[in-house]
Amino acid sequence: MRTLNIEISDFEYEKLGIKNDQLSFTDFVDIISREINRQNLRKSVELAKRYGLSDITLDEISAEIKAIRNNAAHS
């Protein structure tokens, strides 16, 4: 097994919620993946608000999906 040393700031360490100075690679990837997912979710919410998509109802979303599926079926 090999050891890899990665330096991060105290801020990043706290932000990522790292509790241990020694992690398996899998645990490290999980931590980073969760942070990337959080960032992507924040960006998605921001874009939805900016373009008015956050105001769409579930019925409107269902109607949009149905219309796209109908168009695809008839193409």
PDB file of N, CA and C in Angstrom:
ATOM      1  N   MET A   1       0.845  -1.167   0.000  1.00  0.00           N
ATOM      2  CA  MET A   1       0.000   0.000   0.000  1.00  0.00           C
ATOM      3  C   MET A   1       0.894   1.235   0.000  1.00  0.00           C
ATOM      4  N   ARG A   2       0.460   2.256  -0.688  1.00  0.00           N
ATOM      5  CA  ARG A   2       1.229   3.502  -0.758  1.00  0.00           C
ATOM      6  C   ARG A   2       0.548   4.579   0.075  1.00  0.00           C
ATOM      7  N   THR A   3       1.316   5.556   0.486  1.00  0.00           N
ATOM      8  CA  THR A   3       0.803   6.682   1.255  1.00  0.00           C
ATOM      9  C   THR A   3       0.926   7.931   0.404  1.00  0.00           C
ATOM     10  N   LEU A   4      -0.127   8.726   0.405  1.00  0.00           N
ATOM     11  CA  LEU A   4      -0.155   9.973  -0.338  1.00  0.00           C
ATOM     12  C   LEU A   4      -0.414  11.101   0.644  1.00  0.00           C
ATOM     13  N   ASN A   5       0.429  12.115   0.629  1.00  0.00           N
ATOM     14  CA  ASN A   5       0.238  13.266   1.513  1.00  0.00           C
ATOM     15  C   ASN A   5      -0.389  14.410   0.727  1.00  0.00           C
ATOM     16  N   ILE A   6      -1.452  14.966   1.270  1.00  0.00           N
ATOM     17  CA  ILE A   6      -2.134  16.096   0.645  1.00  0.00           C
ATOM     18  C   ILE A   6      -2.234  17.204   1.677  1.00  0.00           C
ATOM     19  N   GLU A   7      -1.832  18.397   1.283  1.00  0.00           N
ATOM     20  CA  GLU A   7      -1.926  19.533   2.190  1.00  0.00           C
ATOM     21  C   GLU A   7      -3.165  20.356   1.843  1.00  0.00           C
ATOM     22  N   ILE A   8      -3.947  20.685   2.877  1.00  0.00           N
ATOM     23  CA  ILE A   8      -5.083  21.570   2.697  1.00  0.00           C
ATOM     24  C   ILE A   8      -5.061  22.592   3.834  1.00  0.00           C
ATOM     25  N   SER A   9      -5.725  23.698   3.601  1.00  0.00           N
ATOM     26  CA  SER A   9      -5.747  24.741   4.622  1.00  0.00           C
ATOM     27  C   SER A   9      -6.634  24.311   5.791  1.00  0.00           C
ATOM     28  N   ASP A  10      -6.462  24.988   6.920  1.00  0.00           N
ATOM     29  CA  ASP A  10      -7.316  24.716   8.074  1.00  0.00           C
ATOM     30  C   ASP A  10      -8.782  24.978   7.726  1.00  0.00           C
ATOM     31  N   PHE A  11      -9.007  26.027   6.932  1.00  0.00           N
ATOM     32  CA  PHE A  11     -10.375  26.354   6.515  1.00  0.00           C
ATOM     33  C   PHE A  11     -10.998  25.195   5.732  1.00  0.00           C
ATOM     34  N   GLU A  12     -10.269  24.665   4.753  1.00  0.00           N
ATOM     35  CA  GLU A  12     -10.771  23.540   3.959  1.00  0.00           C
ATOM     36  C   GLU A  12     -10.988  22.311   4.830  1.00  0.00           C
ATOM     37  N   TYR A  13     -10.072  22.082   5.744  1.00  0.00           N
ATOM     38  CA  TYR A  13     -10.159  20.939   6.656  1.00  0.00           C
ATOM     39  C   TYR A  13     -11.464  21.002   7.448  1.00  0.00           C
ATOM     40  N   GLU A  14     -11.757  22.181   7.989  1.00  0.00           N
ATOM     41  CA  GLU A  14     -12.991  22.374   8.761  1.00  0.00           C
ATOM     42  C   GLU A  14     -14.218  22.312   7.852  1.00  0.00           C
ATOM     43  N   LYS A  15     -14.128  22.978   6.712  1.00  0.00           N
ATOM     44  CA  LYS A  15     -15.259  23.022   5.771  1.00  0.00           C
ATOM     45  C   LYS A  15     -15.667  21.620   5.324  1.00  0.00           C
ATOM     46  N   LEU A  16     -14.688  20.770   5.080  1.00  0.00           N
ATOM     47  CA  LEU A  16     -14.972  19.413   4.621  1.00  0.00           C
ATOM     48  C   LEU A  16     -15.383  18.481   5.763  1.00  0.00           C
ATOM     49  N   GLY A  17     -15.258  18.961   6.990  1.00  0.00           N
ATOM     50  CA  GLY A  17     -15.665  18.156   8.143  1.00  0.00           C
ATOM     51  C   GLY A  17     -14.752  16.968   8.389  1.00  0.00           C
ATOM     52  N   ILE A  18     -13.491  17.105   8.026  1.00  0.00           N
ATOM     53  CA  ILE A  18     -12.542  16.017   8.221  1.00  0.00           C
ATOM     54  C   ILE A  18     -12.248  15.891   9.707  1.00  0.00           C
ATOM     55  N   LYS A  19     -12.331  14.682  10.223  1.00  0.00           N
ATOM     56  CA  LYS A  19     -12.145  14.426  11.653  1.00  0.00           C
ATOM     57  C   LYS A  19     -10.836  13.716  11.962  1.00  0.00           C
ATOM     58  N   ASN A  20     -10.187  13.197  10.936  1.00  0.00           N
ATOM     59  CA  ASN A  20      -9.016  12.362  11.149  1.00  0.00           C
ATOM     60  C   ASN A  20      -7.933  12.743  10.148  1.00  0.00           C
ATOM     61  N   ASP A  21      -6.699  12.799  10.596  1.00  0.00           N
ATOM     62  CA  ASP A  21      -5.601  13.144   9.697  1.00  0.00           C
ATOM     63  C   ASP A  21      -5.206  11.995   8.771  1.00  0.00           C
ATOM     64  N   GLN A  22      -5.716  10.813   9.041  1.00  0.00           N
ATOM     65  CA  GLN A  22      -5.423   9.676   8.183  1.00  0.00           C
ATOM     66  C   GLN A  22      -6.734   9.102   7.661  1.00  0.00           C
ATOM     67  N   LEU A  23      -6.886   9.153   6.334  1.00  0.00           N
ATOM     68  CA  LEU A  23      -8.105   8.671   5.673  1.00  0.00           C
ATOM     69  C   LEU A  23      -7.730   7.651   4.607  1.00  0.00           C
ATOM     70  N   SER A  24      -8.635   6.746   4.365  1.00  0.00           N
ATOM     71  CA  SER A  24      -8.449   5.878   3.200  1.00  0.00           C
ATOM     72  C   SER A  24      -8.768   6.711   1.955  1.00  0.00           C
ATOM     73  N   PHE A  25      -8.290   6.259   0.832  1.00  0.00           N
ATOM     74  CA  PHE A  25      -8.566   6.973  -0.408  1.00  0.00           C
ATOM     75  C   PHE A  25     -10.075   7.030  -0.658  1.00  0.00           C
ATOM     76  N   THR A  26     -10.749   5.926  -0.398  1.00  0.00           N
ATOM     77  CA  THR A  26     -12.197   5.866  -0.596  1.00  0.00           C
ATOM     78  C   THR A  26     -12.910   6.900   0.277  1.00  0.00           C
ATOM     79  N   ASP A  27     -12.503   7.016   1.537  1.00  0.00           N
ATOM     80  CA  ASP A  27     -13.113   8.014   2.421  1.00  0.00           C
ATOM     81  C   ASP A  27     -12.844   9.430   1.913  1.00  0.00           C
ATOM     82  N   PHE A  28     -11.630   9.670   1.450  1.00  0.00           N
ATOM     83  CA  PHE A  28     -11.280  10.984   0.916  1.00  0.00           C
ATOM     84  C   PHE A  28     -12.131  11.324  -0.304  1.00  0.00           C
ATOM     85  N   VAL A  29     -12.268  10.374  -1.215  1.00  0.00           N
ATOM     86  CA  VAL A  29     -13.091  10.589  -2.407  1.00  0.00           C
ATOM     87  C   VAL A  29     -14.539  10.857  -2.005  1.00  0.00           C
ATOM     88  N   ASP A  30     -15.062  10.133  -1.021  1.00  0.00           N
ATOM     89  CA  ASP A  30     -16.434  10.363  -0.548  1.00  0.00           C
ATOM     90  C   ASP A  30     -16.603  11.776  -0.004  1.00  0.00           C
ATOM     91  N   ILE A  31     -15.655  12.236   0.778  1.00  0.00           N
ATOM     92  CA  ILE A  31     -15.723  13.585   1.354  1.00  0.00           C
ATOM     93  C   ILE A  31     -15.703  14.636   0.251  1.00  0.00           C
ATOM     94  N   ILE A  32     -14.794  14.496  -0.678  1.00  0.00           N
ATOM     95  CA  ILE A  32     -14.688  15.455  -1.782  1.00  0.00           C
ATOM     96  C   ILE A  32     -15.935  15.398  -2.657  1.00  0.00           C
ATOM     97  N   SER A  33     -16.449  14.213  -2.927  1.00  0.00           N
ATOM     98  CA  SER A  33     -17.660  14.066  -3.741  1.00  0.00           C
ATOM     99  C   SER A  33     -18.851  14.752  -3.093  1.00  0.00           C
ATOM    100  N   ARG A  34     -18.989  14.607  -1.785  1.00  0.00           N
ATOM    101  CA  ARG A  34     -20.094  15.278  -1.080  1.00  0.00           C
ATOM    102  C   ARG A  34     -19.988  16.794  -1.223  1.00  0.00           C
ATOM    103  N   GLU A  35     -18.780  17.317  -1.104  1.00  0.00           N
ATOM    104  CA  GLU A  35     -18.596  18.771  -1.231  1.00  0.00           C
ATOM    105  C   GLU A  35     -18.904  19.230  -2.650  1.00  0.00           C
ATOM    106  N   ILE A  36     -18.464  18.487  -3.640  1.00  0.00           N
ATOM    107  CA  ILE A  36     -18.758  18.838  -5.031  1.00  0.00           C
ATOM    108  C   ILE A  36     -20.267  18.788  -5.267  1.00  0.00           C
ATOM    109  N   ASN A  37     -20.938  17.788  -4.728  1.00  0.00           N
ATOM    110  CA  ASN A  37     -22.393  17.701  -4.870  1.00  0.00           C
ATOM    111  C   ASN A  37     -23.094  18.888  -4.215  1.00  0.00           C
ATOM    112  N   ARG A  38     -22.622  19.298  -3.039  1.00  0.00           N
ATOM    113  CA  ARG A  38     -23.192  20.483  -2.364  1.00  0.00           C
ATOM    114  C   ARG A  38     -23.024  21.729  -3.230  1.00  0.00           C
ATOM    115  N   GLN A  39     -21.823  21.901  -3.781  1.00  0.00           N
ATOM    116  CA  GLN A  39     -21.561  23.063  -4.628  1.00  0.00           C
ATOM    117  C   GLN A  39     -22.452  23.051  -5.864  1.00  0.00           C
ATOM    118  N   ASN A  40     -22.602  21.893  -6.489  1.00  0.00           N
ATOM    119  CA  ASN A  40     -23.451  21.787  -7.674  1.00  0.00           C
ATOM    120  C   ASN A  40     -24.916  22.053  -7.343  1.00  0.00           C
ATOM    121  N   LEU A  41     -25.364  21.579  -6.184  1.00  0.00           N
ATOM    122  CA  LEU A  41     -26.737  21.841  -5.773  1.00  0.00           C
ATOM    123  C   LEU A  41     -26.953  23.334  -5.560  1.00  0.00           C
ATOM    124  N   ARG A  42     -26.007  23.994  -4.888  1.00  0.00           N
ATOM    125  CA  ARG A  42     -26.118  25.453  -4.691  1.00  0.00           C
ATOM    126  C   ARG A  42     -26.184  26.184  -6.027  1.00  0.00           C
ATOM    127  N   LYS A  43     -25.346  25.788  -6.976  1.00  0.00           N
ATOM    128  CA  LYS A  43     -25.348  26.420  -8.297  1.00  0.00           C
ATOM    129  C   LYS A  43     -26.677  26.175  -9.010  1.00  0.00           C
ATOM    130  N   SER A  44     -27.204  24.963  -8.896  1.00  0.00           N
ATOM    131  CA  SER A  44     -28.482  24.631  -9.531  1.00  0.00           C
ATOM    132  C   SER A  44     -29.617  25.466  -8.961  1.00  0.00           C
ATOM    133  N   VAL A  45     -29.634  25.612  -7.645  1.00  0.00           N
ATOM    134  CA  VAL A  45     -30.676  26.420  -6.995  1.00  0.00           C
ATOM    135  C   VAL A  45     -30.540  27.877  -7.432  1.00  0.00           C
ATOM    136  N   GLU A  46     -29.308  28.367  -7.476  1.00  0.00           N
ATOM    137  CA  GLU A  46     -29.073  29.747  -7.908  1.00  0.00           C
ATOM    138  C   GLU A  46     -29.563  29.968  -9.343  1.00  0.00           C
ATOM    139  N   LEU A  47     -29.239  29.049 -10.234  1.00  0.00           N
ATOM    140  CA  LEU A  47     -29.676  29.165 -11.623  1.00  0.00           C
ATOM    141  C   LEU A  47     -31.197  29.053 -11.748  1.00  0.00           C
ATOM    142  N   ALA A  48     -31.786  28.161 -10.977  1.00  0.00           N
ATOM    143  CA  ALA A  48     -33.245  28.011 -11.012  1.00  0.00           C
ATOM    144  C   ALA A  48     -33.920  29.304 -10.578  1.00  0.00           C
ATOM    145  N   LYS A  49     -33.396  29.951  -9.561  1.00  0.00           N
ATOM    146  CA  LYS A  49     -33.958  31.234  -9.113  1.00  0.00           C
ATOM    147  C   LYS A  49     -33.751  32.308 -10.167  1.00  0.00           C
ATOM    148  N   ARG A  50     -32.553  32.346 -10.731  1.00  0.00           N
ATOM    149  CA  ARG A  50     -32.232  33.377 -11.719  1.00  0.00           C
ATOM    150  C   ARG A  50     -33.143  33.301 -12.944  1.00  0.00           C
ATOM    151  N   TYR A  51     -33.464  32.091 -13.382  1.00  0.00           N
ATOM    152  CA  TYR A  51     -34.259  31.922 -14.589  1.00  0.00           C
ATOM    153  C   TYR A  51     -35.733  31.620 -14.311  1.00  0.00           C
ATOM    154  N   GLY A  52     -36.136  31.763 -13.055  1.00  0.00           N
ATOM    155  CA  GLY A  52     -37.543  31.600 -12.704  1.00  0.00           C
ATOM    156  C   GLY A  52     -38.027  30.166 -12.669  1.00  0.00           C
ATOM    157  N   LEU A  53     -37.123  29.231 -12.693  1.00  0.00           N
ATOM    158  CA  LEU A  53     -37.518  27.824 -12.699  1.00  0.00           C
ATOM    159  C   LEU A  53     -37.912  27.328 -11.314  1.00  0.00           C
ATOM    160  N   SER A  54     -37.508  28.054 -10.289  1.00  0.00           N
ATOM    161  CA  SER A  54     -37.829  27.615  -8.934  1.00  0.00           C
ATOM    162  C   SER A  54     -39.302  27.832  -8.610  1.00  0.00           C
ATOM    163  N   ASP A  55     -40.007  28.581  -9.475  1.00  0.00           N
ATOM    164  CA  ASP A  55     -41.425  28.849  -9.261  1.00  0.00           C
ATOM    165  C   ASP A  55     -42.340  27.868  -9.992  1.00  0.00           C
ATOM    166  N   ILE A  56     -41.769  26.944 -10.745  1.00  0.00           N
ATOM    167  CA  ILE A  56     -42.562  25.981 -11.504  1.00  0.00           C
ATOM    168  C   ILE A  56     -43.170  24.952 -10.558  1.00  0.00           C
ATOM    169  N   THR A  57     -44.434  24.645 -10.757  1.00  0.00           N
ATOM    170  CA  THR A  57     -45.111  23.657  -9.915  1.00  0.00           C
ATOM    171  C   THR A  57     -44.800  22.245 -10.416  1.00  0.00           C
ATOM    172  N   LEU A  58     -45.090  21.247  -9.596  1.00  0.00           N
ATOM    173  CA  LEU A  58     -44.897  19.854 -10.018  1.00  0.00           C
ATOM    174  C   LEU A  58     -45.779  19.510 -11.208  1.00  0.00           C
ATOM    175  N   ASP A  59     -46.988  20.056 -11.243  1.00  0.00           N
ATOM    176  CA  ASP A  59     -47.865  19.818 -12.400  1.00  0.00           C
ATOM    177  C   ASP A  59     -47.266  20.380 -13.681  1.00  0.00           C
ATOM    178  N   GLU A  60     -46.657  21.566 -13.591  1.00  0.00           N
ATOM    179  CA  GLU A  60     -46.015  22.161 -14.765  1.00  0.00           C
ATOM    180  C   GLU A  60     -44.802  21.341 -15.200  1.00  0.00           C
ATOM    181  N   ILE A  61     -44.055  20.853 -14.246  1.00  0.00           N
ATOM    182  CA  ILE A  61     -42.903  19.998 -14.566  1.00  0.00           C
ATOM    183  C   ILE A  61     -43.370  18.724 -15.252  1.00  0.00           C
ATOM    184  N   SER A  62     -44.418  18.102 -14.711  1.00  0.00           N
ATOM    185  CA  SER A  62     -44.961  16.874 -15.310  1.00  0.00           C
ATOM    186  C   SER A  62     -45.452  17.130 -16.727  1.00  0.00           C
ATOM    187  N   ALA A  63     -46.101  18.270 -16.942  1.00  0.00           N
ATOM    188  CA  ALA A  63     -46.596  18.612 -18.280  1.00  0.00           C
ATOM    189  C   ALA A  63     -45.431  18.795 -19.257  1.00  0.00           C
ATOM    190  N   GLU A  64     -44.352  19.432 -18.800  1.00  0.00           N
ATOM    191  CA  GLU A  64     -43.166  19.618 -19.648  1.00  0.00           C
ATOM    192  C   GLU A  64     -42.557  18.268 -20.029  1.00  0.00           C
ATOM    193  N   ILE A  65     -42.429  17.388 -19.054  1.00  0.00           N
ATOM    194  CA  ILE A  65     -41.867  16.058 -19.307  1.00  0.00           C
ATOM    195  C   ILE A  65     -42.740  15.291 -20.289  1.00  0.00           C
ATOM    196  N   LYS A  66     -44.035  15.348 -20.082  1.00  0.00           N
ATOM    197  CA  LYS A  66     -44.974  14.656 -20.973  1.00  0.00           C
ATOM    198  C   LYS A  66     -44.859  15.191 -22.399  1.00  0.00           C
ATOM    199  N   ALA A  67     -44.771  16.507 -22.547  1.00  0.00           N
ATOM    200  CA  ALA A  67     -44.655  17.111 -23.882  1.00  0.00           C
ATOM    201  C   ALA A  67     -43.372  16.669 -24.564  1.00  0.00           C
ATOM    202  N   ILE A  68     -42.279  16.633 -23.835  1.00  0.00           N
ATOM    203  CA  ILE A  68     -41.000  16.222 -24.422  1.00  0.00           C
ATOM    204  C   ILE A  68     -41.049  14.748 -24.832  1.00  0.00           C
ATOM    205  N   ARG A  69     -41.642  13.924 -23.979  1.00  0.00           N
ATOM    206  CA  ARG A  69     -41.765  12.498 -24.324  1.00  0.00           C
ATOM    207  C   ARG A  69     -42.650  12.307 -25.544  1.00  0.00           C
ATOM    208  N   ASN A  70     -43.739  13.059 -25.623  1.00  0.00           N
ATOM    209  CA  ASN A  70     -44.617  12.965 -26.803  1.00  0.00           C
ATOM    210  C   ASN A  70     -43.895  13.383 -28.069  1.00  0.00           C
ATOM    211  N   ASN A  71     -43.131  14.468 -27.986  1.00  0.00           N
ATOM    212  CA  ASN A  71     -42.362  14.925 -29.152  1.00  0.00           C
ATOM    213  C   ASN A  71     -41.329  13.884 -29.565  1.00  0.00           C
ATOM    214  N   ALA A  72     -40.677  13.266 -28.606  1.00  0.00           N
ATOM    215  CA  ALA A  72     -39.668  12.246 -28.900  1.00  0.00           C
ATOM    216  C   ALA A  72     -40.298  11.018 -29.542  1.00  0.00           C
ATOM    217  N   ALA A  73     -41.493  10.661 -29.066  1.00  0.00           N
ATOM    218  CA  ALA A  73     -42.183   9.479 -29.607  1.00  0.00           C
ATOM    219  C   ALA A  73     -42.648   9.703 -31.038  1.00  0.00           C
ATOM    220  N   HIS A  74     -42.924  10.946 -31.407  1.00  0.00           N
ATOM    221  CA  HIS A  74     -43.422  11.268 -32.735  1.00  0.00           C
ATOM    222  C   HIS A  74     -42.324  11.688 -33.695  1.00  0.00           C
ATOM    223  N   SER A  75     -41.083  11.645 -33.250  1.00  0.00           N
ATOM    224  CA  SER A  75     -39.969  12.049 -34.119  1.00  0.00           C
ATOM    225  C   SER A  75     -39.368  10.883 -34.837  1.00  0.00           C
TER     226      SER A  75
END
